Amino acid sequence: MDAMHTLPQLFAQLGLPSEPPAIEAFIAAHRPLAGDVALYRAPFWTPAQRSFLKEEIIEDADWAAAIEELNARLH
């Protein structure tokens, strides 16, 4: 199994700026996400980003840890 991915790698995979200051700015701009809103249902994702996030969490794929970290930081 591949090593777990990092938050910067997740941002790059989503087509977003992946430098730490850009990640912090994204999180600051989009939090807090309402507690009852699943990360992939947040309104700021593109359809492709939403699909990727949903599929990776459902499959508990090697992206899951980074997605869960992002989820926690946005909520």
C-alpha atoms as a PDB file:
ATOM      1  CA  MET A   1       0.000   0.000   0.000  1.00  0.00           C
ATOM      2  CA  ASP A   2       1.206   3.487  -0.779  1.00  0.00           C
ATOM      3  CA  ALA A   3       2.215   5.855   1.966  1.00  0.00           C
ATOM      4  CA  MET A   4      -0.450   8.201   3.228  1.00  0.00           C
ATOM      5  CA  HIS A   5      -0.682  11.520   1.452  1.00  0.00           C
ATOM      6  CA  THR A   6      -0.076  14.899   3.060  1.00  0.00           C
ATOM      7  CA  LEU A   7      -2.329  17.946   3.116  1.00  0.00           C
ATOM      8  CA  PRO A   8      -0.140  19.758   0.526  1.00  0.00           C
ATOM      9  CA  GLN A   9      -0.375  16.711  -1.759  1.00  0.00           C
ATOM     10  CA  LEU A  10      -4.162  16.711  -1.328  1.00  0.00           C
ATOM     11  CA  PHE A  11      -4.383  20.375  -2.292  1.00  0.00           C
ATOM     12  CA  ALA A  12      -2.224  19.704  -5.358  1.00  0.00           C
ATOM     13  CA  GLN A  13      -4.456  16.752  -6.285  1.00  0.00           C
ATOM     14  CA  LEU A  14      -7.493  19.038  -6.012  1.00  0.00           C
ATOM     15  CA  GLY A  15      -5.821  21.574  -8.305  1.00  0.00           C
ATOM     16  CA  LEU A  16      -5.410  24.137  -5.531  1.00  0.00           C
ATOM     17  CA  PRO A  17      -2.288  26.041  -4.427  1.00  0.00           C
ATOM     18  CA  SER A  18      -0.452  23.637  -2.146  1.00  0.00           C
ATOM     19  CA  GLU A  19       2.076  25.834  -0.353  1.00  0.00           C
ATOM     20  CA  PRO A  20       1.475  25.971   3.436  1.00  0.00           C
ATOM     21  CA  PRO A  21       0.492  29.687   3.464  1.00  0.00           C
ATOM     22  CA  ALA A  22      -2.021  29.041   0.652  1.00  0.00           C
ATOM     23  CA  ILE A  23      -3.482  26.063   2.540  1.00  0.00           C
ATOM     24  CA  GLU A  24      -3.833  28.145   5.714  1.00  0.00           C
ATOM     25  CA  ALA A  25      -5.511  30.944   3.728  1.00  0.00           C
ATOM     26  CA  PHE A  26      -7.949  28.474   2.122  1.00  0.00           C
ATOM     27  CA  ILE A  27      -8.880  27.001   5.508  1.00  0.00           C
ATOM     28  CA  ALA A  28      -9.261  30.459   7.072  1.00  0.00           C
ATOM     29  CA  ALA A  29     -11.487  31.597   4.198  1.00  0.00           C
ATOM     30  CA  HIS A  30     -13.785  28.549   4.298  1.00  0.00           C
ATOM     31  CA  ARG A  31     -14.175  27.746   7.971  1.00  0.00           C
ATOM     32  CA  PRO A  32     -16.135  27.108  10.001  1.00  0.00           C
ATOM     33  CA  LEU A  33     -18.052  24.589   7.971  1.00  0.00           C
ATOM     34  CA  ALA A  34     -21.381  23.771   9.612  1.00  0.00           C
ATOM     35  CA  GLY A  35     -21.145  20.619  11.694  1.00  0.00           C
ATOM     36  CA  ASP A  36     -23.857  18.837   9.718  1.00  0.00           C
ATOM     37  CA  VAL A  37     -22.223  19.487   6.319  1.00  0.00           C
ATOM     38  CA  ALA A  38     -20.051  16.667   5.000  1.00  0.00           C
ATOM     39  CA  LEU A  39     -16.742  17.964   3.666  1.00  0.00           C
ATOM     40  CA  TYR A  40     -17.472  16.890   0.095  1.00  0.00           C
ATOM     41  CA  ARG A  41     -20.846  18.696   0.207  1.00  0.00           C
ATOM     42  CA  ALA A  42     -19.272  22.077   1.002  1.00  0.00           C
ATOM     43  CA  PRO A  43     -20.354  24.669  -1.571  1.00  0.00           C
ATOM     44  CA  PHE A  44     -16.849  25.783  -2.550  1.00  0.00           C
ATOM     45  CA  TRP A  45     -15.774  22.576  -4.348  1.00  0.00           C
ATOM     46  CA  THR A  46     -16.015  22.035  -8.077  1.00  0.00           C
ATOM     47  CA  PRO A  47     -17.966  18.935  -9.183  1.00  0.00           C
ATOM     48  CA  ALA A  48     -14.678  17.121  -9.882  1.00  0.00           C
ATOM     49  CA  GLN A  49     -13.248  18.020  -6.468  1.00  0.00           C
ATOM     50  CA  ARG A  50     -16.477  16.966  -4.760  1.00  0.00           C
ATOM     51  CA  SER A  51     -16.487  13.620  -6.563  1.00  0.00           C
ATOM     52  CA  PHE A  52     -12.842  12.932  -5.691  1.00  0.00           C
ATOM     53  CA  LEU A  53     -13.320  13.751  -2.008  1.00  0.00           C
ATOM     54  CA  LYS A  54     -16.467  11.634  -1.728  1.00  0.00           C
ATOM     55  CA  GLU A  55     -14.980   8.605  -3.512  1.00  0.00           C
ATOM     56  CA  GLU A  56     -11.744   8.666  -1.538  1.00  0.00           C
ATOM     57  CA  ILE A  57     -13.514   8.832   1.827  1.00  0.00           C
ATOM     58  CA  ILE A  58     -16.003   6.076   0.912  1.00  0.00           C
ATOM     59  CA  GLU A  59     -13.156   3.826  -0.257  1.00  0.00           C
ATOM     60  CA  ASP A  60     -11.033   4.754   2.791  1.00  0.00           C
ATOM     61  CA  ALA A  61      -8.274   5.154   0.233  1.00  0.00           C
ATOM     62  CA  ASP A  62      -4.754   6.359   0.887  1.00  0.00           C
ATOM     63  CA  TRP A  63      -6.029   9.946   0.603  1.00  0.00           C
ATOM     64  CA  ALA A  64      -8.434   9.430   3.524  1.00  0.00           C
ATOM     65  CA  ALA A  65      -6.087  10.634   6.288  1.00  0.00           C
ATOM     66  CA  ALA A  66      -5.342  13.922   4.508  1.00  0.00           C
ATOM     67  CA  ILE A  67      -9.040  14.418   3.706  1.00  0.00           C
ATOM     68  CA  GLU A  68      -9.969  13.762   7.342  1.00  0.00           C
ATOM     69  CA  GLU A  69      -7.329  16.279   8.473  1.00  0.00           C
ATOM     70  CA  LEU A  70      -8.785  18.897   6.112  1.00  0.00           C
ATOM     71  CA  ASN A  71     -12.278  18.034   7.323  1.00  0.00           C
ATOM     72  CA  ALA A  72     -11.294  18.521  10.956  1.00  0.00           C
ATOM     73  CA  ARG A  73      -9.576  21.826  10.246  1.00  0.00           C
ATOM     74  CA  LEU A  74     -12.542  23.177   8.278  1.00  0.00           C
ATOM     75  CA  HIS A  75     -15.078  22.207  10.933  1.00  0.00           C
END
